[in-house]
Amino acid sequence: LGKKKLAQLFTETVNPKEVIRRQKA
């Protein structure tokens, strides 16, 4: 499931606020 989630991080577009949340994480 982790590998699939990593693939989703790169293939799915999310809104700017979510990108900022990811950056901080």
PDBML (XML) file of the C-alpha atoms, coordinates in Angstrom:
<?xml version="1.0" encoding="UTF-8" ?>
<PDBx:datablock datablockName="MODEL"
   xmlns:PDBx="http://pdbml.pdb.org/schema/pdbx-v50.xsd"
   xmlns:xsi="http://www.w3.org/2001/XMLSchema-instance"
   xsi:schemaLocation="http://pdbml.pdb.org/schema/pdbx-v50.xsd pdbx-v50.xsd">
   <PDBx:atom_siteCategory>
      <PDBx:atom_site id="1">
         <PDBx:B_iso_or_equiv>0.00</PDBx:B_iso_or_equiv>
         <PDBx:Cartn_x>0.000</PDBx:Cartn_x>
         <PDBx:Cartn_y>0.000</PDBx:Cartn_y>
         <PDBx:Cartn_z>0.000</PDBx:Cartn_z>
         <PDBx:auth_asym_id>A</PDBx:auth_asym_id>
         <PDBx:auth_atom_id>CA</PDBx:auth_atom_id>
         <PDBx:auth_comp_id>LEU</PDBx:auth_comp_id>
         <PDBx:auth_seq_id>1</PDBx:auth_seq_id>
         <PDBx:group_PDB>ATOM</PDBx:group_PDB>
         <PDBx:label_alt_id xsi:nil="true" />
         <PDBx:label_asym_id>A</PDBx:label_asym_id>
         <PDBx:label_atom_id>CA</PDBx:label_atom_id>
         <PDBx:label_comp_id>LEU</PDBx:label_comp_id>
         <PDBx:label_entity_id>1</PDBx:label_entity_id>
         <PDBx:label_seq_id>1</PDBx:label_seq_id>
         <PDBx:occupancy>1.00</PDBx:occupancy>
         <PDBx:pdbx_PDB_model_num>1</PDBx:pdbx_PDB_model_num>
         <PDBx:type_symbol>C</PDBx:type_symbol>
      </PDBx:atom_site>
      <PDBx:atom_site id="2">
         <PDBx:B_iso_or_equiv>0.00</PDBx:B_iso_or_equiv>
         <PDBx:Cartn_x>2.921</PDBx:Cartn_x>
         <PDBx:Cartn_y>2.346</PDBx:Cartn_y>
         <PDBx:Cartn_z>0.668</PDBx:Cartn_z>
         <PDBx:auth_asym_id>A</PDBx:auth_asym_id>
         <PDBx:auth_atom_id>CA</PDBx:auth_atom_id>
         <PDBx:auth_comp_id>GLY</PDBx:auth_comp_id>
         <PDBx:auth_seq_id>2</PDBx:auth_seq_id>
         <PDBx:group_PDB>ATOM</PDBx:group_PDB>
         <PDBx:label_alt_id xsi:nil="true" />
         <PDBx:label_asym_id>A</PDBx:label_asym_id>
         <PDBx:label_atom_id>CA</PDBx:label_atom_id>
         <PDBx:label_comp_id>GLY</PDBx:label_comp_id>
         <PDBx:label_entity_id>1</PDBx:label_entity_id>
         <PDBx:label_seq_id>2</PDBx:label_seq_id>
         <PDBx:occupancy>1.00</PDBx:occupancy>
         <PDBx:pdbx_PDB_model_num>1</PDBx:pdbx_PDB_model_num>
         <PDBx:type_symbol>C</PDBx:type_symbol>
      </PDBx:atom_site>
      <PDBx:atom_site id="3">
         <PDBx:B_iso_or_equiv>0.00</PDBx:B_iso_or_equiv>
         <PDBx:Cartn_x>4.234</PDBx:Cartn_x>
         <PDBx:Cartn_y>1.897</PDBx:Cartn_y>
         <PDBx:Cartn_z>-2.855</PDBx:Cartn_z>
         <PDBx:auth_asym_id>A</PDBx:auth_asym_id>
         <PDBx:auth_atom_id>CA</PDBx:auth_atom_id>
         <PDBx:auth_comp_id>LYS</PDBx:auth_comp_id>
         <PDBx:auth_seq_id>3</PDBx:auth_seq_id>
         <PDBx:group_PDB>ATOM</PDBx:group_PDB>
         <PDBx:label_alt_id xsi:nil="true" />
         <PDBx:label_asym_id>A</PDBx:label_asym_id>
         <PDBx:label_atom_id>CA</PDBx:label_atom_id>
         <PDBx:label_comp_id>LYS</PDBx:label_comp_id>
         <PDBx:label_entity_id>1</PDBx:label_entity_id>
         <PDBx:label_seq_id>3</PDBx:label_seq_id>
         <PDBx:occupancy>1.00</PDBx:occupancy>
         <PDBx:pdbx_PDB_model_num>1</PDBx:pdbx_PDB_model_num>
         <PDBx:type_symbol>C</PDBx:type_symbol>
      </PDBx:atom_site>
      <PDBx:atom_site id="4">
         <PDBx:B_iso_or_equiv>0.00</PDBx:B_iso_or_equiv>
         <PDBx:Cartn_x>0.798</PDBx:Cartn_x>
         <PDBx:Cartn_y>2.675</PDBx:Cartn_y>
         <PDBx:Cartn_z>-4.277</PDBx:Cartn_z>
         <PDBx:auth_asym_id>A</PDBx:auth_asym_id>
         <PDBx:auth_atom_id>CA</PDBx:auth_atom_id>
         <PDBx:auth_comp_id>LYS</PDBx:auth_comp_id>
         <PDBx:auth_seq_id>4</PDBx:auth_seq_id>
         <PDBx:group_PDB>ATOM</PDBx:group_PDB>
         <PDBx:label_alt_id xsi:nil="true" />
         <PDBx:label_asym_id>A</PDBx:label_asym_id>
         <PDBx:label_atom_id>CA</PDBx:label_atom_id>
         <PDBx:label_comp_id>LYS</PDBx:label_comp_id>
         <PDBx:label_entity_id>1</PDBx:label_entity_id>
         <PDBx:label_seq_id>4</PDBx:label_seq_id>
         <PDBx:occupancy>1.00</PDBx:occupancy>
         <PDBx:pdbx_PDB_model_num>1</PDBx:pdbx_PDB_model_num>
         <PDBx:type_symbol>C</PDBx:type_symbol>
      </PDBx:atom_site>
      <PDBx:atom_site id="5">
         <PDBx:B_iso_or_equiv>0.00</PDBx:B_iso_or_equiv>
         <PDBx:Cartn_x>0.508</PDBx:Cartn_x>
         <PDBx:Cartn_y>5.771</PDBx:Cartn_y>
         <PDBx:Cartn_z>-2.103</PDBx:Cartn_z>
         <PDBx:auth_asym_id>A</PDBx:auth_asym_id>
         <PDBx:auth_atom_id>CA</PDBx:auth_atom_id>
         <PDBx:auth_comp_id>LYS</PDBx:auth_comp_id>
         <PDBx:auth_seq_id>5</PDBx:auth_seq_id>
         <PDBx:group_PDB>ATOM</PDBx:group_PDB>
         <PDBx:label_alt_id xsi:nil="true" />
         <PDBx:label_asym_id>A</PDBx:label_asym_id>
         <PDBx:label_atom_id>CA</PDBx:label_atom_id>
         <PDBx:label_comp_id>LYS</PDBx:label_comp_id>
         <PDBx:label_entity_id>1</PDBx:label_entity_id>
         <PDBx:label_seq_id>5</PDBx:label_seq_id>
         <PDBx:occupancy>1.00</PDBx:occupancy>
         <PDBx:pdbx_PDB_model_num>1</PDBx:pdbx_PDB_model_num>
         <PDBx:type_symbol>C</PDBx:type_symbol>
      </PDBx:atom_site>
      <PDBx:atom_site id="6">
         <PDBx:B_iso_or_equiv>0.00</PDBx:B_iso_or_equiv>
         <PDBx:Cartn_x>3.899</PDBx:Cartn_x>
         <PDBx:Cartn_y>7.006</PDBx:Cartn_y>
         <PDBx:Cartn_z>-3.288</PDBx:Cartn_z>
         <PDBx:auth_asym_id>A</PDBx:auth_asym_id>
         <PDBx:auth_atom_id>CA</PDBx:auth_atom_id>
         <PDBx:auth_comp_id>LEU</PDBx:auth_comp_id>
         <PDBx:auth_seq_id>6</PDBx:auth_seq_id>
         <PDBx:group_PDB>ATOM</PDBx:group_PDB>
         <PDBx:label_alt_id xsi:nil="true" />
         <PDBx:label_asym_id>A</PDBx:label_asym_id>
         <PDBx:label_atom_id>CA</PDBx:label_atom_id>
         <PDBx:label_comp_id>LEU</PDBx:label_comp_id>
         <PDBx:label_entity_id>1</PDBx:label_entity_id>
         <PDBx:label_seq_id>6</PDBx:label_seq_id>
         <PDBx:occupancy>1.00</PDBx:occupancy>
         <PDBx:pdbx_PDB_model_num>1</PDBx:pdbx_PDB_model_num>
         <PDBx:type_symbol>C</PDBx:type_symbol>
      </PDBx:atom_site>
      <PDBx:atom_site id="7">
         <PDBx:B_iso_or_equiv>0.00</PDBx:B_iso_or_equiv>
         <PDBx:Cartn_x>2.806</PDBx:Cartn_x>
         <PDBx:Cartn_y>6.559</PDBx:Cartn_y>
         <PDBx:Cartn_z>-6.902</PDBx:Cartn_z>
         <PDBx:auth_asym_id>A</PDBx:auth_asym_id>
         <PDBx:auth_atom_id>CA</PDBx:auth_atom_id>
         <PDBx:auth_comp_id>ALA</PDBx:auth_comp_id>
         <PDBx:auth_seq_id>7</PDBx:auth_seq_id>
         <PDBx:group_PDB>ATOM</PDBx:group_PDB>
         <PDBx:label_alt_id xsi:nil="true" />
         <PDBx:label_asym_id>A</PDBx:label_asym_id>
         <PDBx:label_atom_id>CA</PDBx:label_atom_id>
         <PDBx:label_comp_id>ALA</PDBx:label_comp_id>
         <PDBx:label_entity_id>1</PDBx:label_entity_id>
         <PDBx:label_seq_id>7</PDBx:label_seq_id>
         <PDBx:occupancy>1.00</PDBx:occupancy>
         <PDBx:pdbx_PDB_model_num>1</PDBx:pdbx_PDB_model_num>
         <PDBx:type_symbol>C</PDBx:type_symbol>
      </PDBx:atom_site>
      <PDBx:atom_site id="8">
         <PDBx:B_iso_or_equiv>0.00</PDBx:B_iso_or_equiv>
         <PDBx:Cartn_x>-0.332</PDBx:Cartn_x>
         <PDBx:Cartn_y>8.577</PDBx:Cartn_y>
         <PDBx:Cartn_z>-6.134</PDBx:Cartn_z>
         <PDBx:auth_asym_id>A</PDBx:auth_asym_id>
         <PDBx:auth_atom_id>CA</PDBx:auth_atom_id>
         <PDBx:auth_comp_id>GLN</PDBx:auth_comp_id>
         <PDBx:auth_seq_id>8</PDBx:auth_seq_id>
         <PDBx:group_PDB>ATOM</PDBx:group_PDB>
         <PDBx:label_alt_id xsi:nil="true" />
         <PDBx:label_asym_id>A</PDBx:label_asym_id>
         <PDBx:label_atom_id>CA</PDBx:label_atom_id>
         <PDBx:label_comp_id>GLN</PDBx:label_comp_id>
         <PDBx:label_entity_id>1</PDBx:label_entity_id>
         <PDBx:label_seq_id>8</PDBx:label_seq_id>
         <PDBx:occupancy>1.00</PDBx:occupancy>
         <PDBx:pdbx_PDB_model_num>1</PDBx:pdbx_PDB_model_num>
         <PDBx:type_symbol>C</PDBx:type_symbol>
      </PDBx:atom_site>
      <PDBx:atom_site id="9">
         <PDBx:B_iso_or_equiv>0.00</PDBx:B_iso_or_equiv>
         <PDBx:Cartn_x>1.740</PDBx:Cartn_x>
         <PDBx:Cartn_y>11.411</PDBx:Cartn_y>
         <PDBx:Cartn_z>-4.675</PDBx:Cartn_z>
         <PDBx:auth_asym_id>A</PDBx:auth_asym_id>
         <PDBx:auth_atom_id>CA</PDBx:auth_atom_id>
         <PDBx:auth_comp_id>LEU</PDBx:auth_comp_id>
         <PDBx:auth_seq_id>9</PDBx:auth_seq_id>
         <PDBx:group_PDB>ATOM</PDBx:group_PDB>
         <PDBx:label_alt_id xsi:nil="true" />
         <PDBx:label_asym_id>A</PDBx:label_asym_id>
         <PDBx:label_atom_id>CA</PDBx:label_atom_id>
         <PDBx:label_comp_id>LEU</PDBx:label_comp_id>
         <PDBx:label_entity_id>1</PDBx:label_entity_id>
         <PDBx:label_seq_id>9</PDBx:label_seq_id>
         <PDBx:occupancy>1.00</PDBx:occupancy>
         <PDBx:pdbx_PDB_model_num>1</PDBx:pdbx_PDB_model_num>
         <PDBx:type_symbol>C</PDBx:type_symbol>
      </PDBx:atom_site>
      <PDBx:atom_site id="10">
         <PDBx:B_iso_or_equiv>0.00</PDBx:B_iso_or_equiv>
         <PDBx:Cartn_x>3.326</PDBx:Cartn_x>
         <PDBx:Cartn_y>11.875</PDBx:Cartn_y>
         <PDBx:Cartn_z>-8.102</PDBx:Cartn_z>
         <PDBx:auth_asym_id>A</PDBx:auth_asym_id>
         <PDBx:auth_atom_id>CA</PDBx:auth_atom_id>
         <PDBx:auth_comp_id>PHE</PDBx:auth_comp_id>
         <PDBx:auth_seq_id>10</PDBx:auth_seq_id>
         <PDBx:group_PDB>ATOM</PDBx:group_PDB>
         <PDBx:label_alt_id xsi:nil="true" />
         <PDBx:label_asym_id>A</PDBx:label_asym_id>
         <PDBx:label_atom_id>CA</PDBx:label_atom_id>
         <PDBx:label_comp_id>PHE</PDBx:label_comp_id>
         <PDBx:label_entity_id>1</PDBx:label_entity_id>
         <PDBx:label_seq_id>10</PDBx:label_seq_id>
         <PDBx:occupancy>1.00</PDBx:occupancy>
         <PDBx:pdbx_PDB_model_num>1</PDBx:pdbx_PDB_model_num>
         <PDBx:type_symbol>C</PDBx:type_symbol>
      </PDBx:atom_site>
      <PDBx:atom_site id="11">
         <PDBx:B_iso_or_equiv>0.00</PDBx:B_iso_or_equiv>
         <PDBx:Cartn_x>0.355</PDBx:Cartn_x>
         <PDBx:Cartn_y>11.159</PDBx:Cartn_y>
         <PDBx:Cartn_z>-10.357</PDBx:Cartn_z>
         <PDBx:auth_asym_id>A</PDBx:auth_asym_id>
         <PDBx:auth_atom_id>CA</PDBx:auth_atom_id>
         <PDBx:auth_comp_id>THR</PDBx:auth_comp_id>
         <PDBx:auth_seq_id>11</PDBx:auth_seq_id>
         <PDBx:group_PDB>ATOM</PDBx:group_PDB>
         <PDBx:label_alt_id xsi:nil="true" />
         <PDBx:label_asym_id>A</PDBx:label_asym_id>
         <PDBx:label_atom_id>CA</PDBx:label_atom_id>
         <PDBx:label_comp_id>THR</PDBx:label_comp_id>
         <PDBx:label_entity_id>1</PDBx:label_entity_id>
         <PDBx:label_seq_id>11</PDBx:label_seq_id>
         <PDBx:occupancy>1.00</PDBx:occupancy>
         <PDBx:pdbx_PDB_model_num>1</PDBx:pdbx_PDB_model_num>
         <PDBx:type_symbol>C</PDBx:type_symbol>
      </PDBx:atom_site>
      <PDBx:atom_site id="12">
         <PDBx:B_iso_or_equiv>0.00</PDBx:B_iso_or_equiv>
         <PDBx:Cartn_x>-2.513</PDBx:Cartn_x>
         <PDBx:Cartn_y>12.996</PDBx:Cartn_y>
         <PDBx:Cartn_z>-8.659</PDBx:Cartn_z>
         <PDBx:auth_asym_id>A</PDBx:auth_asym_id>
         <PDBx:auth_atom_id>CA</PDBx:auth_atom_id>
         <PDBx:auth_comp_id>GLU</PDBx:auth_comp_id>
         <PDBx:auth_seq_id>12</PDBx:auth_seq_id>
         <PDBx:group_PDB>ATOM</PDBx:group_PDB>
         <PDBx:label_alt_id xsi:nil="true" />
         <PDBx:label_asym_id>A</PDBx:label_asym_id>
         <PDBx:label_atom_id>CA</PDBx:label_atom_id>
         <PDBx:label_comp_id>GLU</PDBx:label_comp_id>
         <PDBx:label_entity_id>1</PDBx:label_entity_id>
         <PDBx:label_seq_id>12</PDBx:label_seq_id>
         <PDBx:occupancy>1.00</PDBx:occupancy>
         <PDBx:pdbx_PDB_model_num>1</PDBx:pdbx_PDB_model_num>
         <PDBx:type_symbol>C</PDBx:type_symbol>
      </PDBx:atom_site>
      <PDBx:atom_site id="13">
         <PDBx:B_iso_or_equiv>0.00</PDBx:B_iso_or_equiv>
         <PDBx:Cartn_x>-2.908</PDBx:Cartn_x>
         <PDBx:Cartn_y>16.771</PDBx:Cartn_y>
         <PDBx:Cartn_z>-8.666</PDBx:Cartn_z>
         <PDBx:auth_asym_id>A</PDBx:auth_asym_id>
         <PDBx:auth_atom_id>CA</PDBx:auth_atom_id>
         <PDBx:auth_comp_id>THR</PDBx:auth_comp_id>
         <PDBx:auth_seq_id>13</PDBx:auth_seq_id>
         <PDBx:group_PDB>ATOM</PDBx:group_PDB>
         <PDBx:label_alt_id xsi:nil="true" />
         <PDBx:label_asym_id>A</PDBx:label_asym_id>
         <PDBx:label_atom_id>CA</PDBx:label_atom_id>
         <PDBx:label_comp_id>THR</PDBx:label_comp_id>
         <PDBx:label_entity_id>1</PDBx:label_entity_id>
         <PDBx:label_seq_id>13</PDBx:label_seq_id>
         <PDBx:occupancy>1.00</PDBx:occupancy>
         <PDBx:pdbx_PDB_model_num>1</PDBx:pdbx_PDB_model_num>
         <PDBx:type_symbol>C</PDBx:type_symbol>
      </PDBx:atom_site>
      <PDBx:atom_site id="14">
         <PDBx:B_iso_or_equiv>0.00</PDBx:B_iso_or_equiv>
         <PDBx:Cartn_x>-3.914</PDBx:Cartn_x>
         <PDBx:Cartn_y>18.316</PDBx:Cartn_y>
         <PDBx:Cartn_z>-5.343</PDBx:Cartn_z>
         <PDBx:auth_asym_id>A</PDBx:auth_asym_id>
         <PDBx:auth_atom_id>CA</PDBx:auth_atom_id>
         <PDBx:auth_comp_id>VAL</PDBx:auth_comp_id>
         <PDBx:auth_seq_id>14</PDBx:auth_seq_id>
         <PDBx:group_PDB>ATOM</PDBx:group_PDB>
         <PDBx:label_alt_id xsi:nil="true" />
         <PDBx:label_asym_id>A</PDBx:label_asym_id>
         <PDBx:label_atom_id>CA</PDBx:label_atom_id>
         <PDBx:label_comp_id>VAL</PDBx:label_comp_id>
         <PDBx:label_entity_id>1</PDBx:label_entity_id>
         <PDBx:label_seq_id>14</PDBx:label_seq_id>
         <PDBx:occupancy>1.00</PDBx:occupancy>
         <PDBx:pdbx_PDB_model_num>1</PDBx:pdbx_PDB_model_num>
         <PDBx:type_symbol>C</PDBx:type_symbol>
      </PDBx:atom_site>
      <PDBx:atom_site id="15">
         <PDBx:B_iso_or_equiv>0.00</PDBx:B_iso_or_equiv>
         <PDBx:Cartn_x>-4.756</PDBx:Cartn_x>
         <PDBx:Cartn_y>21.873</PDBx:Cartn_y>
         <PDBx:Cartn_z>-4.335</PDBx:Cartn_z>
         <PDBx:auth_asym_id>A</PDBx:auth_asym_id>
         <PDBx:auth_atom_id>CA</PDBx:auth_atom_id>
         <PDBx:auth_comp_id>ASN</PDBx:auth_comp_id>
         <PDBx:auth_seq_id>15</PDBx:auth_seq_id>
         <PDBx:group_PDB>ATOM</PDBx:group_PDB>
         <PDBx:label_alt_id xsi:nil="true" />
         <PDBx:label_asym_id>A</PDBx:label_asym_id>
         <PDBx:label_atom_id>CA</PDBx:label_atom_id>
         <PDBx:label_comp_id>ASN</PDBx:label_comp_id>
         <PDBx:label_entity_id>1</PDBx:label_entity_id>
         <PDBx:label_seq_id>15</PDBx:label_seq_id>
         <PDBx:occupancy>1.00</PDBx:occupancy>
         <PDBx:pdbx_PDB_model_num>1</PDBx:pdbx_PDB_model_num>
         <PDBx:type_symbol>C</PDBx:type_symbol>
      </PDBx:atom_site>
      <PDBx:atom_site id="16">
         <PDBx:B_iso_or_equiv>0.00</PDBx:B_iso_or_equiv>
         <PDBx:Cartn_x>-2.079</PDBx:Cartn_x>
         <PDBx:Cartn_y>24.348</PDBx:Cartn_y>
         <PDBx:Cartn_z>-3.174</PDBx:Cartn_z>
         <PDBx:auth_asym_id>A</PDBx:auth_asym_id>
         <PDBx:auth_atom_id>CA</PDBx:auth_atom_id>
         <PDBx:auth_comp_id>PRO</PDBx:auth_comp_id>
         <PDBx:auth_seq_id>16</PDBx:auth_seq_id>
         <PDBx:group_PDB>ATOM</PDBx:group_PDB>
         <PDBx:label_alt_id xsi:nil="true" />
         <PDBx:label_asym_id>A</PDBx:label_asym_id>
         <PDBx:label_atom_id>CA</PDBx:label_atom_id>
         <PDBx:label_comp_id>PRO</PDBx:label_comp_id>
         <PDBx:label_entity_id>1</PDBx:label_entity_id>
         <PDBx:label_seq_id>16</PDBx:label_seq_id>
         <PDBx:occupancy>1.00</PDBx:occupancy>
         <PDBx:pdbx_PDB_model_num>1</PDBx:pdbx_PDB_model_num>
         <PDBx:type_symbol>C</PDBx:type_symbol>
      </PDBx:atom_site>
      <PDBx:atom_site id="17">
         <PDBx:B_iso_or_equiv>0.00</PDBx:B_iso_or_equiv>
         <PDBx:Cartn_x>-2.997</PDBx:Cartn_x>
         <PDBx:Cartn_y>24.027</PDBx:Cartn_y>
         <PDBx:Cartn_z>0.513</PDBx:Cartn_z>
         <PDBx:auth_asym_id>A</PDBx:auth_asym_id>
         <PDBx:auth_atom_id>CA</PDBx:auth_atom_id>
         <PDBx:auth_comp_id>LYS</PDBx:auth_comp_id>
         <PDBx:auth_seq_id>17</PDBx:auth_seq_id>
         <PDBx:group_PDB>ATOM</PDBx:group_PDB>
         <PDBx:label_alt_id xsi:nil="true" />
         <PDBx:label_asym_id>A</PDBx:label_asym_id>
         <PDBx:label_atom_id>CA</PDBx:label_atom_id>
         <PDBx:label_comp_id>LYS</PDBx:label_comp_id>
         <PDBx:label_entity_id>1</PDBx:label_entity_id>
         <PDBx:label_seq_id>17</PDBx:label_seq_id>
         <PDBx:occupancy>1.00</PDBx:occupancy>
         <PDBx:pdbx_PDB_model_num>1</PDBx:pdbx_PDB_model_num>
         <PDBx:type_symbol>C</PDBx:type_symbol>
      </PDBx:atom_site>
      <PDBx:atom_site id="18">
         <PDBx:B_iso_or_equiv>0.00</PDBx:B_iso_or_equiv>
         <PDBx:Cartn_x>-2.494</PDBx:Cartn_x>
         <PDBx:Cartn_y>20.262</PDBx:Cartn_y>
         <PDBx:Cartn_z>0.404</PDBx:Cartn_z>
         <PDBx:auth_asym_id>A</PDBx:auth_asym_id>
         <PDBx:auth_atom_id>CA</PDBx:auth_atom_id>
         <PDBx:auth_comp_id>GLU</PDBx:auth_comp_id>
         <PDBx:auth_seq_id>18</PDBx:auth_seq_id>
         <PDBx:group_PDB>ATOM</PDBx:group_PDB>
         <PDBx:label_alt_id xsi:nil="true" />
         <PDBx:label_asym_id>A</PDBx:label_asym_id>
         <PDBx:label_atom_id>CA</PDBx:label_atom_id>
         <PDBx:label_comp_id>GLU</PDBx:label_comp_id>
         <PDBx:label_entity_id>1</PDBx:label_entity_id>
         <PDBx:label_seq_id>18</PDBx:label_seq_id>
         <PDBx:occupancy>1.00</PDBx:occupancy>
         <PDBx:pdbx_PDB_model_num>1</PDBx:pdbx_PDB_model_num>
         <PDBx:type_symbol>C</PDBx:type_symbol>
      </PDBx:atom_site>
      <PDBx:atom_site id="19">
         <PDBx:B_iso_or_equiv>0.00</PDBx:B_iso_or_equiv>
         <PDBx:Cartn_x>0.880</PDBx:Cartn_x>
         <PDBx:Cartn_y>20.676</PDBx:Cartn_y>
         <PDBx:Cartn_z>-1.308</PDBx:Cartn_z>
         <PDBx:auth_asym_id>A</PDBx:auth_asym_id>
         <PDBx:auth_atom_id>CA</PDBx:auth_atom_id>
         <PDBx:auth_comp_id>VAL</PDBx:auth_comp_id>
         <PDBx:auth_seq_id>19</PDBx:auth_seq_id>
         <PDBx:group_PDB>ATOM</PDBx:group_PDB>
         <PDBx:label_alt_id xsi:nil="true" />
         <PDBx:label_asym_id>A</PDBx:label_asym_id>
         <PDBx:label_atom_id>CA</PDBx:label_atom_id>
         <PDBx:label_comp_id>VAL</PDBx:label_comp_id>
         <PDBx:label_entity_id>1</PDBx:label_entity_id>
         <PDBx:label_seq_id>19</PDBx:label_seq_id>
         <PDBx:occupancy>1.00</PDBx:occupancy>
         <PDBx:pdbx_PDB_model_num>1</PDBx:pdbx_PDB_model_num>
         <PDBx:type_symbol>C</PDBx:type_symbol>
      </PDBx:atom_site>
      <PDBx:atom_site id="20">
         <PDBx:B_iso_or_equiv>0.00</PDBx:B_iso_or_equiv>
         <PDBx:Cartn_x>1.970</PDBx:Cartn_x>
         <PDBx:Cartn_y>23.036</PDBx:Cartn_y>
         <PDBx:Cartn_z>1.485</PDBx:Cartn_z>
         <PDBx:auth_asym_id>A</PDBx:auth_asym_id>
         <PDBx:auth_atom_id>CA</PDBx:auth_atom_id>
         <PDBx:auth_comp_id>ILE</PDBx:auth_comp_id>
         <PDBx:auth_seq_id>20</PDBx:auth_seq_id>
         <PDBx:group_PDB>ATOM</PDBx:group_PDB>
         <PDBx:label_alt_id xsi:nil="true" />
         <PDBx:label_asym_id>A</PDBx:label_asym_id>
         <PDBx:label_atom_id>CA</PDBx:label_atom_id>
         <PDBx:label_comp_id>ILE</PDBx:label_comp_id>
         <PDBx:label_entity_id>1</PDBx:label_entity_id>
         <PDBx:label_seq_id>20</PDBx:label_seq_id>
         <PDBx:occupancy>1.00</PDBx:occupancy>
         <PDBx:pdbx_PDB_model_num>1</PDBx:pdbx_PDB_model_num>
         <PDBx:type_symbol>C</PDBx:type_symbol>
      </PDBx:atom_site>
      <PDBx:atom_site id="21">
         <PDBx:B_iso_or_equiv>0.00</PDBx:B_iso_or_equiv>
         <PDBx:Cartn_x>0.804</PDBx:Cartn_x>
         <PDBx:Cartn_y>20.473</PDBx:Cartn_y>
         <PDBx:Cartn_z>4.067</PDBx:Cartn_z>
         <PDBx:auth_asym_id>A</PDBx:auth_asym_id>
         <PDBx:auth_atom_id>CA</PDBx:auth_atom_id>
         <PDBx:auth_comp_id>ARG</PDBx:auth_comp_id>
         <PDBx:auth_seq_id>21</PDBx:auth_seq_id>
         <PDBx:group_PDB>ATOM</PDBx:group_PDB>
         <PDBx:label_alt_id xsi:nil="true" />
         <PDBx:label_asym_id>A</PDBx:label_asym_id>
         <PDBx:label_atom_id>CA</PDBx:label_atom_id>
         <PDBx:label_comp_id>ARG</PDBx:label_comp_id>
         <PDBx:label_entity_id>1</PDBx:label_entity_id>
         <PDBx:label_seq_id>21</PDBx:label_seq_id>
         <PDBx:occupancy>1.00</PDBx:occupancy>
         <PDBx:pdbx_PDB_model_num>1</PDBx:pdbx_PDB_model_num>
         <PDBx:type_symbol>C</PDBx:type_symbol>
      </PDBx:atom_site>
      <PDBx:atom_site id="22">
         <PDBx:B_iso_or_equiv>0.00</PDBx:B_iso_or_equiv>
         <PDBx:Cartn_x>2.838</PDBx:Cartn_x>
         <PDBx:Cartn_y>17.809</PDBx:Cartn_y>
         <PDBx:Cartn_z>2.288</PDBx:Cartn_z>
         <PDBx:auth_asym_id>A</PDBx:auth_asym_id>
         <PDBx:auth_atom_id>CA</PDBx:auth_atom_id>
         <PDBx:auth_comp_id>ARG</PDBx:auth_comp_id>
         <PDBx:auth_seq_id>22</PDBx:auth_seq_id>
         <PDBx:group_PDB>ATOM</PDBx:group_PDB>
         <PDBx:label_alt_id xsi:nil="true" />
         <PDBx:label_asym_id>A</PDBx:label_asym_id>
         <PDBx:label_atom_id>CA</PDBx:label_atom_id>
         <PDBx:label_comp_id>ARG</PDBx:label_comp_id>
         <PDBx:label_entity_id>1</PDBx:label_entity_id>
         <PDBx:label_seq_id>22</PDBx:label_seq_id>
         <PDBx:occupancy>1.00</PDBx:occupancy>
         <PDBx:pdbx_PDB_model_num>1</PDBx:pdbx_PDB_model_num>
         <PDBx:type_symbol>C</PDBx:type_symbol>
      </PDBx:atom_site>
      <PDBx:atom_site id="23">
         <PDBx:B_iso_or_equiv>0.00</PDBx:B_iso_or_equiv>
         <PDBx:Cartn_x>5.903</PDBx:Cartn_x>
         <PDBx:Cartn_y>20.066</PDBx:Cartn_y>
         <PDBx:Cartn_z>2.201</PDBx:Cartn_z>
         <PDBx:auth_asym_id>A</PDBx:auth_asym_id>
         <PDBx:auth_atom_id>CA</PDBx:auth_atom_id>
         <PDBx:auth_comp_id>GLN</PDBx:auth_comp_id>
         <PDBx:auth_seq_id>23</PDBx:auth_seq_id>
         <PDBx:group_PDB>ATOM</PDBx:group_PDB>
         <PDBx:label_alt_id xsi:nil="true" />
         <PDBx:label_asym_id>A</PDBx:label_asym_id>
         <PDBx:label_atom_id>CA</PDBx:label_atom_id>
         <PDBx:label_comp_id>GLN</PDBx:label_comp_id>
         <PDBx:label_entity_id>1</PDBx:label_entity_id>
         <PDBx:label_seq_id>23</PDBx:label_seq_id>
         <PDBx:occupancy>1.00</PDBx:occupancy>
         <PDBx:pdbx_PDB_model_num>1</PDBx:pdbx_PDB_model_num>
         <PDBx:type_symbol>C</PDBx:type_symbol>
      </PDBx:atom_site>
      <PDBx:atom_site id="24">
         <PDBx:B_iso_or_equiv>0.00</PDBx:B_iso_or_equiv>
         <PDBx:Cartn_x>5.748</PDBx:Cartn_x>
         <PDBx:Cartn_y>20.654</PDBx:Cartn_y>
         <PDBx:Cartn_z>5.950</PDBx:Cartn_z>
         <PDBx:auth_asym_id>A</PDBx:auth_asym_id>
         <PDBx:auth_atom_id>CA</PDBx:auth_atom_id>
         <PDBx:auth_comp_id>LYS</PDBx:auth_comp_id>
         <PDBx:auth_seq_id>24</PDBx:auth_seq_id>
         <PDBx:group_PDB>ATOM</PDBx:group_PDB>
         <PDBx:label_alt_id xsi:nil="true" />
         <PDBx:label_asym_id>A</PDBx:label_asym_id>
         <PDBx:label_atom_id>CA</PDBx:label_atom_id>
         <PDBx:label_comp_id>LYS</PDBx:label_comp_id>
         <PDBx:label_entity_id>1</PDBx:label_entity_id>
         <PDBx:label_seq_id>24</PDBx:label_seq_id>
         <PDBx:occupancy>1.00</PDBx:occupancy>
         <PDBx:pdbx_PDB_model_num>1</PDBx:pdbx_PDB_model_num>
         <PDBx:type_symbol>C</PDBx:type_symbol>
      </PDBx:atom_site>
      <PDBx:atom_site id="25">
         <PDBx:B_iso_or_equiv>0.00</PDBx:B_iso_or_equiv>
         <PDBx:Cartn_x>5.259</PDBx:Cartn_x>
         <PDBx:Cartn_y>16.939</PDBx:Cartn_y>
         <PDBx:Cartn_z>6.626</PDBx:Cartn_z>
         <PDBx:auth_asym_id>A</PDBx:auth_asym_id>
         <PDBx:auth_atom_id>CA</PDBx:auth_atom_id>
         <PDBx:auth_comp_id>ALA</PDBx:auth_comp_id>
         <PDBx:auth_seq_id>25</PDBx:auth_seq_id>
         <PDBx:group_PDB>ATOM</PDBx:group_PDB>
         <PDBx:label_alt_id xsi:nil="true" />
         <PDBx:label_asym_id>A</PDBx:label_asym_id>
         <PDBx:label_atom_id>CA</PDBx:label_atom_id>
         <PDBx:label_comp_id>ALA</PDBx:label_comp_id>
         <PDBx:label_entity_id>1</PDBx:label_entity_id>
         <PDBx:label_seq_id>25</PDBx:label_seq_id>
         <PDBx:occupancy>1.00</PDBx:occupancy>
         <PDBx:pdbx_PDB_model_num>1</PDBx:pdbx_PDB_model_num>
         <PDBx:type_symbol>C</PDBx:type_symbol>
      </PDBx:atom_site>
   </PDBx:atom_siteCategory>
</PDBx:datablock>
